[in-house]
C-alpha atoms as a PDB file:
ATOM      1  CA  MET A   1       1.456  44.479 -49.851  1.00  0.00           C
ATOM      2  CA  SER A   2      -1.877  43.921 -48.128  1.00  0.00           C
ATOM      3  CA  ASN A   3      -4.275  41.548 -49.882  1.00  0.00           C
ATOM      4  CA  GLY A   4      -7.792  40.282 -49.355  1.00  0.00           C
ATOM      5  CA  ILE A   5     -10.269  37.839 -50.897  1.00  0.00           C
ATOM      6  CA  LEU A   6     -13.766  36.486 -50.288  1.00  0.00           C
ATOM      7  CA  GLY A   7     -14.537  32.820 -49.863  1.00  0.00           C
ATOM      8  CA  ARG A   8     -16.760  30.108 -48.398  1.00  0.00           C
ATOM      9  CA  LYS A   9     -16.031  27.779 -45.514  1.00  0.00           C
ATOM     10  CA  VAL A  10     -15.989  24.205 -46.849  1.00  0.00           C
ATOM     11  CA  GLY A  11     -15.225  22.384 -43.594  1.00  0.00           C
ATOM     12  CA  MET A  12     -12.506  20.987 -41.341  1.00  0.00           C
ATOM     13  CA  SER A  13      -9.821  18.504 -42.286  1.00  0.00           C
ATOM     14  CA  GLN A  14      -6.219  17.661 -41.431  1.00  0.00           C
ATOM     15  CA  VAL A  15      -2.892  17.498 -43.214  1.00  0.00           C
ATOM     16  CA  PHE A  16       0.495  16.136 -42.173  1.00  0.00           C
ATOM     17  CA  ASP A  17       3.550  18.357 -41.869  1.00  0.00           C
ATOM     18  CA  GLU A  18       7.185  17.463 -42.608  1.00  0.00           C
ATOM     19  CA  GLU A  19       7.538  15.800 -39.207  1.00  0.00           C
ATOM     20  CA  GLY A  20       4.483  13.616 -39.772  1.00  0.00           C
ATOM     21  CA  LYS A  21       2.328  15.480 -37.239  1.00  0.00           C
ATOM     22  CA  ALA A  22      -1.372  15.967 -37.999  1.00  0.00           C
ATOM     23  CA  VAL A  23      -2.276  19.642 -38.422  1.00  0.00           C
ATOM     24  CA  PRO A  24      -5.970  20.616 -38.091  1.00  0.00           C
ATOM     25  CA  VAL A  25      -6.974  22.905 -40.953  1.00  0.00           C
ATOM     26  CA  THR A  26     -10.066  24.653 -42.268  1.00  0.00           C
ATOM     27  CA  VAL A  27     -10.648  24.297 -46.005  1.00  0.00           C
ATOM     28  CA  ILE A  28     -11.817  27.544 -47.605  1.00  0.00           C
ATOM     29  CA  GLU A  29     -13.020  27.964 -51.178  1.00  0.00           C
ATOM     30  CA  ALA A  30     -11.418  31.361 -51.785  1.00  0.00           C
ATOM     31  CA  GLY A  31     -12.365  33.138 -54.991  1.00  0.00           C
ATOM     32  CA  PRO A  32     -12.192  33.699 -57.784  1.00  0.00           C
ATOM     33  CA  CYS A  33     -13.279  37.262 -56.985  1.00  0.00           C
ATOM     34  CA  TYR A  34     -13.557  40.260 -59.282  1.00  0.00           C
ATOM     35  CA  VAL A  35     -12.769  43.915 -58.647  1.00  0.00           C
ATOM     36  CA  VAL A  36     -16.101  45.697 -59.113  1.00  0.00           C
ATOM     37  CA  GLN A  37     -15.097  49.167 -57.895  1.00  0.00           C
ATOM     38  CA  LYS A  38     -12.069  51.089 -56.651  1.00  0.00           C
ATOM     39  CA  LYS A  39     -12.297  53.695 -53.895  1.00  0.00           C
ATOM     40  CA  THR A  40      -9.600  56.372 -53.815  1.00  0.00           C
ATOM     41  CA  PRO A  41      -8.763  59.004 -51.160  1.00  0.00           C
ATOM     42  CA  GLU A  42      -9.133  61.811 -53.722  1.00  0.00           C
ATOM     43  CA  ARG A  43     -12.692  60.858 -54.712  1.00  0.00           C
ATOM     44  CA  ASP A  44     -14.072  58.886 -51.743  1.00  0.00           C
ATOM     45  CA  GLY A  45     -11.887  59.915 -48.822  1.00  0.00           C
ATOM     46  CA  TYR A  46     -10.383  56.458 -48.306  1.00  0.00           C
ATOM     47  CA  ALA A  47      -8.746  53.662 -50.262  1.00  0.00           C
ATOM     48  CA  ALA A  48     -10.588  50.368 -50.735  1.00  0.00           C
ATOM     49  CA  LEU A  49     -11.526  47.681 -53.212  1.00  0.00           C
ATOM     50  CA  GLN A  50     -15.049  46.414 -53.753  1.00  0.00           C
ATOM     51  CA  LEU A  51     -14.822  42.699 -54.480  1.00  0.00           C
ATOM     52  CA  GLY A  52     -17.577  40.473 -55.862  1.00  0.00           C
ATOM     53  CA  PHE A  53     -17.826  36.736 -55.297  1.00  0.00           C
ATOM     54  CA  GLY A  54     -20.198  33.957 -56.344  1.00  0.00           C
ATOM     55  CA  GLU A  55     -21.943  33.961 -59.715  1.00  0.00           C
ATOM     56  CA  VAL A  56     -25.680  34.666 -59.781  1.00  0.00           C
ATOM     57  CA  GLU A  57     -28.316  35.089 -62.481  1.00  0.00           C
ATOM     58  CA  ALA A  58     -28.910  38.702 -63.466  1.00  0.00           C
ATOM     59  CA  ASN A  59     -32.695  38.448 -62.996  1.00  0.00           C
ATOM     60  CA  LYS A  60     -32.136  37.752 -59.285  1.00  0.00           C
ATOM     61  CA  LEU A  61     -30.616  41.217 -58.784  1.00  0.00           C
ATOM     62  CA  ASN A  62     -32.393  44.554 -58.643  1.00  0.00           C
ATOM     63  CA  ARG A  63     -31.883  47.138 -61.363  1.00  0.00           C
ATOM     64  CA  PRO A  64     -29.372  49.347 -59.469  1.00  0.00           C
ATOM     65  CA  LEU A  65     -27.107  46.351 -58.886  1.00  0.00           C
ATOM     66  CA  ARG A  66     -27.416  45.192 -62.485  1.00  0.00           C
ATOM     67  CA  GLY A  67     -26.414  48.674 -63.632  1.00  0.00           C
ATOM     68  CA  HIS A  68     -23.513  48.672 -61.183  1.00  0.00           C
ATOM     69  CA  PHE A  69     -22.120  45.457 -62.662  1.00  0.00           C
ATOM     70  CA  THR A  70     -22.742  46.621 -66.232  1.00  0.00           C
ATOM     71  CA  LYS A  71     -20.808  49.831 -65.575  1.00  0.00           C
ATOM     72  CA  SER A  72     -17.870  47.845 -64.200  1.00  0.00           C
ATOM     73  CA  GLY A  73     -17.985  45.320 -67.029  1.00  0.00           C
ATOM     74  CA  VAL A  74     -18.235  42.458 -64.515  1.00  0.00           C
ATOM     75  CA  LYS A  75     -20.713  39.582 -64.623  1.00  0.00           C
ATOM     76  CA  PRO A  76     -23.414  39.580 -61.890  1.00  0.00           C
ATOM     77  CA  LEU A  77     -22.122  38.345 -58.535  1.00  0.00           C
ATOM     78  CA  ARG A  78     -23.963  37.331 -55.383  1.00  0.00           C
ATOM     79  CA  PHE A  79     -21.753  38.936 -52.717  1.00  0.00           C
ATOM     80  CA  LEU A  80     -20.158  42.382 -52.639  1.00  0.00           C
ATOM     81  CA  LYS A  81     -17.768  43.518 -49.934  1.00  0.00           C
ATOM     82  CA  GLU A  82     -15.315  46.367 -49.503  1.00  0.00           C
ATOM     83  CA  ILE A  83     -11.777  45.702 -48.353  1.00  0.00           C
ATOM     84  CA  ARG A  84      -9.744  48.601 -46.963  1.00  0.00           C
ATOM     85  CA  LEU A  85      -6.243  48.605 -48.421  1.00  0.00           C
ATOM     86  CA  ASP A  86      -3.331  50.984 -48.766  1.00  0.00           C
ATOM     87  CA  SER A  87      -3.458  53.428 -51.679  1.00  0.00           C
ATOM     88  CA  ASP A  88      -0.504  51.702 -53.327  1.00  0.00           C
ATOM     89  CA  ALA A  89      -2.251  48.322 -53.054  1.00  0.00           C
ATOM     90  CA  VAL A  90      -5.467  49.705 -54.567  1.00  0.00           C
ATOM     91  CA  ASP A  91      -3.544  51.248 -57.482  1.00  0.00           C
ATOM     92  CA  SER A  92      -2.098  47.844 -58.327  1.00  0.00           C
ATOM     93  CA  TYR A  93      -5.593  46.501 -59.168  1.00  0.00           C
ATOM     94  CA  GLU A  94      -7.852  47.326 -62.109  1.00  0.00           C
ATOM     95  CA  VAL A  95     -11.657  47.230 -62.304  1.00  0.00           C
ATOM     96  CA  GLY A  96     -12.727  43.875 -63.700  1.00  0.00           C
ATOM     97  CA  GLN A  97      -9.491  42.168 -62.641  1.00  0.00           C
ATOM     98  CA  GLU A  98      -9.799  38.615 -61.364  1.00  0.00           C
ATOM     99  CA  VAL A  99      -8.437  37.978 -57.872  1.00  0.00           C
ATOM    100  CA  LYS A 100      -7.462  34.381 -57.126  1.00  0.00           C
ATOM    101  CA  VAL A 101      -6.244  32.484 -54.115  1.00  0.00           C
ATOM    102  CA  ASP A 102      -2.638  32.632 -55.324  1.00  0.00           C
ATOM    103  CA  ILE A 103      -2.297  36.094 -53.740  1.00  0.00           C
ATOM    104  CA  PHE A 104      -1.418  34.095 -50.587  1.00  0.00           C
ATOM    105  CA  ASN A 105       1.515  31.758 -50.031  1.00  0.00           C
ATOM    106  CA  PRO A 106       2.093  28.915 -47.567  1.00  0.00           C
ATOM    107  CA  GLY A 107       3.487  30.361 -44.363  1.00  0.00           C
ATOM    108  CA  ASP A 108       1.533  33.619 -44.568  1.00  0.00           C
ATOM    109  CA  TYR A 109      -0.623  34.695 -41.635  1.00  0.00           C
ATOM    110  CA  VAL A 110      -4.194  35.838 -42.283  1.00  0.00           C
ATOM    111  CA  ASP A 111      -7.196  37.246 -40.426  1.00  0.00           C
ATOM    112  CA  VAL A 112     -10.489  35.502 -41.235  1.00  0.00           C
ATOM    113  CA  GLN A 113     -13.783  37.310 -40.647  1.00  0.00           C
ATOM    114  CA  GLY A 114     -17.234  35.731 -40.697  1.00  0.00           C
ATOM    115  CA  VAL A 115     -20.617  35.536 -38.958  1.00  0.00           C
ATOM    116  CA  THR A 116     -20.715  32.958 -36.170  1.00  0.00           C
ATOM    117  CA  LYS A 117     -23.324  30.214 -36.012  1.00  0.00           C
ATOM    118  CA  GLY A 118     -26.659  31.438 -34.652  1.00  0.00           C
ATOM    119  CA  LYS A 119     -27.733  29.548 -31.520  1.00  0.00           C
ATOM    120  CA  GLY A 120     -31.057  31.293 -30.892  1.00  0.00           C
ATOM    121  CA  PHE A 121     -32.146  32.127 -27.340  1.00  0.00           C
ATOM    122  CA  ALA A 122     -29.758  30.510 -24.866  1.00  0.00           C
ATOM    123  CA  GLY A 123     -29.274  30.475 -21.108  1.00  0.00           C
ATOM    124  CA  GLY A 124     -26.269  31.725 -19.198  1.00  0.00           C
ATOM    125  CA  ILE A 125     -24.541  28.326 -19.132  1.00  0.00           C
ATOM    126  CA  LYS A 126     -24.546  27.894 -22.911  1.00  0.00           C
ATOM    127  CA  ARG A 127     -24.162  31.571 -23.777  1.00  0.00           C
ATOM    128  CA  HIS A 128     -21.479  32.630 -21.272  1.00  0.00           C
ATOM    129  CA  GLY A 129     -20.073  29.382 -19.883  1.00  0.00           C
ATOM    130  CA  PHE A 130     -21.532  29.792 -16.371  1.00  0.00           C
ATOM    131  CA  HIS A 131     -21.374  26.912 -13.864  1.00  0.00           C
ATOM    132  CA  ARG A 132     -24.625  25.239 -12.901  1.00  0.00           C
ATOM    133  CA  GLY A 133     -25.973  25.238  -9.353  1.00  0.00           C
ATOM    134  CA  PRO A 134     -26.204  22.259  -6.970  1.00  0.00           C
ATOM    135  CA  MET A 135     -28.381  19.391  -8.170  1.00  0.00           C
ATOM    136  CA  LYS A 136     -29.723  18.476  -4.716  1.00  0.00           C
ATOM    137  CA  HIS A 137     -33.445  18.131  -4.132  1.00  0.00           C
ATOM    138  CA  GLY A 138     -34.895  21.440  -3.103  1.00  0.00           C
ATOM    139  CA  SER A 139     -32.359  23.563  -4.955  1.00  0.00           C
ATOM    140  CA  LYS A 140     -34.260  25.620  -7.503  1.00  0.00           C
ATOM    141  CA  TYR A 141     -31.180  27.069  -9.192  1.00  0.00           C
ATOM    142  CA  HIS A 142     -29.826  24.299 -11.381  1.00  0.00           C
ATOM    143  CA  ARG A 143     -29.271  26.374 -14.530  1.00  0.00           C
ATOM    144  CA  ARG A 144     -30.786  29.716 -13.563  1.00  0.00           C
ATOM    145  CA  PRO A 145     -28.619  32.858 -13.257  1.00  0.00           C
ATOM    146  CA  GLY A 146     -29.243  33.312  -9.515  1.00  0.00           C
ATOM    147  CA  SER A 147     -29.108  36.600  -7.617  1.00  0.00           C
ATOM    148  CA  LEU A 148     -28.627  39.745  -9.697  1.00  0.00           C
ATOM    149  CA  GLY A 149     -26.992  41.833  -6.989  1.00  0.00           C
ATOM    150  CA  ALA A 150     -27.764  44.023  -3.994  1.00  0.00           C
ATOM    151  CA  LYS A 151     -31.054  45.785  -3.382  1.00  0.00           C
ATOM    152  CA  GLY A 152     -29.505  49.244  -3.580  1.00  0.00           C
ATOM    153  CA  PRO A 153     -29.351  49.854  -7.362  1.00  0.00           C
ATOM    154  CA  ALA A 154     -32.853  48.386  -7.837  1.00  0.00           C
ATOM    155  CA  ARG A 155     -32.014  47.726 -11.461  1.00  0.00           C
ATOM    156  CA  VAL A 156     -29.878  45.527 -13.695  1.00  0.00           C
ATOM    157  CA  PHE A 157     -26.703  47.178 -14.934  1.00  0.00           C
ATOM    158  CA  LYS A 158     -26.261  47.402 -18.678  1.00  0.00           C
ATOM    159  CA  GLY A 159     -23.947  44.750 -20.137  1.00  0.00           C
ATOM    160  CA  ARG A 160     -24.594  42.145 -17.441  1.00  0.00           C
ATOM    161  CA  LYS A 161     -24.228  38.571 -18.681  1.00  0.00           C
ATOM    162  CA  LEU A 162     -27.718  37.106 -18.774  1.00  0.00           C
ATOM    163  CA  PRO A 163     -29.712  34.715 -20.993  1.00  0.00           C
ATOM    164  CA  GLY A 164     -30.367  36.025 -24.492  1.00  0.00           C
ATOM    165  CA  ARG A 165     -29.716  35.497 -28.171  1.00  0.00           C
ATOM    166  CA  ALA A 166     -26.401  33.724 -28.736  1.00  0.00           C
ATOM    167  CA  GLY A 167     -24.293  33.672 -31.881  1.00  0.00           C
ATOM    168  CA  GLY A 168     -25.005  35.260 -35.232  1.00  0.00           C
ATOM    169  CA  GLU A 169     -22.379  37.973 -34.720  1.00  0.00           C
ATOM    170  CA  MET A 170     -19.472  39.160 -36.834  1.00  0.00           C
ATOM    171  CA  ARG A 171     -16.199  37.790 -35.489  1.00  0.00           C
ATOM    172  CA  THR A 172     -12.580  37.838 -36.659  1.00  0.00           C
ATOM    173  CA  VAL A 173     -10.040  35.107 -35.921  1.00  0.00           C
ATOM    174  CA  LYS A 174      -6.545  36.550 -36.209  1.00  0.00           C
ATOM    175  CA  ASN A 175      -3.116  35.170 -37.058  1.00  0.00           C
ATOM    176  CA  LEU A 176      -4.106  31.916 -38.741  1.00  0.00           C
ATOM    177  CA  LYS A 177      -1.254  30.314 -40.619  1.00  0.00           C
ATOM    178  CA  VAL A 178      -1.742  29.404 -44.273  1.00  0.00           C
ATOM    179  CA  VAL A 179      -0.760  25.746 -44.550  1.00  0.00           C
ATOM    180  CA  LYS A 180      -1.463  25.107 -48.235  1.00  0.00           C
ATOM    181  CA  VAL A 181      -2.677  26.990 -51.321  1.00  0.00           C
ATOM    182  CA  ASP A 182      -4.350  25.140 -54.216  1.00  0.00           C
ATOM    183  CA  PRO A 183      -4.865  27.606 -57.104  1.00  0.00           C
ATOM    184  CA  GLU A 184      -6.168  24.883 -59.413  1.00  0.00           C
ATOM    185  CA  HIS A 185      -9.204  24.217 -57.191  1.00  0.00           C
ATOM    186  CA  ASN A 186      -9.363  27.709 -55.556  1.00  0.00           C
ATOM    187  CA  LEU A 187      -8.727  26.225 -52.105  1.00  0.00           C
ATOM    188  CA  LEU A 188      -6.987  27.750 -49.113  1.00  0.00           C
ATOM    189  CA  LEU A 189      -6.043  25.641 -46.075  1.00  0.00           C
ATOM    190  CA  VAL A 190      -5.480  27.556 -42.842  1.00  0.00           C
ATOM    191  CA  ARG A 191      -4.459  26.118 -39.497  1.00  0.00           C
ATOM    192  CA  GLY A 192      -7.274  26.199 -36.925  1.00  0.00           C
ATOM    193  CA  ALA A 193     -10.980  26.994 -36.949  1.00  0.00           C
ATOM    194  CA  VAL A 194     -12.775  29.963 -38.511  1.00  0.00           C
ATOM    195  CA  PRO A 195     -16.158  31.458 -37.568  1.00  0.00           C
ATOM    196  CA  GLY A 196     -19.423  30.502 -39.237  1.00  0.00           C
ATOM    197  CA  PRO A 197     -21.198  27.433 -40.585  1.00  0.00           C
ATOM    198  CA  ARG A 198     -20.243  25.412 -43.628  1.00  0.00           C
ATOM    199  CA  MET A 199     -20.641  27.387 -46.865  1.00  0.00           C
ATOM    200  CA  GLY A 200     -20.707  30.590 -44.812  1.00  0.00           C
ATOM    201  CA  LEU A 201     -19.200  33.724 -46.375  1.00  0.00           C
ATOM    202  CA  LEU A 202     -15.690  34.638 -45.186  1.00  0.00           C
ATOM    203  CA  LEU A 203     -13.322  37.564 -45.673  1.00  0.00           C
ATOM    204  CA  ILE A 204      -9.653  36.596 -45.684  1.00  0.00           C
ATOM    205  CA  LYS A 205      -6.995  39.299 -45.353  1.00  0.00           C
ATOM    206  CA  ASN A 206      -3.315  39.496 -44.545  1.00  0.00           C
ATOM    207  CA  SER A 207      -2.857  39.591 -40.784  1.00  0.00           C
ATOM    208  CA  ALA A 208      -2.881  43.067 -39.295  1.00  0.00           C
ATOM    209  CA  ARG A 209      -0.163  41.982 -36.855  1.00  0.00           C
END
């Protein structure tokens, strides 16, 4: 059955496996989340769960959101996100149900989605990994993009890799192995790095592959 949960990135660490090898892991504070709304194919055209994560004071929410939580019988939460699931998986949940990190087990593979770190305006070397030009005296193209092509088109083609805003985009890292699950402290340890800064919001789902 497909599962999903919201969480925050705590940071990087390492654990040792049975052979004594150090395994780099990302520590994620996953949940507890609450089912705020259920979407069904009969009523909404698709099956999904709306999960809430992170407690917040009610006076920090607008009136429509406060009414939404009151209708669901769930305390006010900071983050709301829909997770597409199979109809059978959605039917197994109830509105107001608490979703904890124990929906995953060590050895599972998950996809982790988050917003990457924003780098601001960056040149081609930092943004796209271009090589720099020669550093000799007289060379004016140390870190500049250089020629943009032939004279014929007389324009820059759309999608060309040039300086611009880097980072701050939604990215998904797939097939990360769950190394350890700590239900007591709501922690999930996955092998490898995940997108986003520390304390950034993450969506963790069973791997699509």
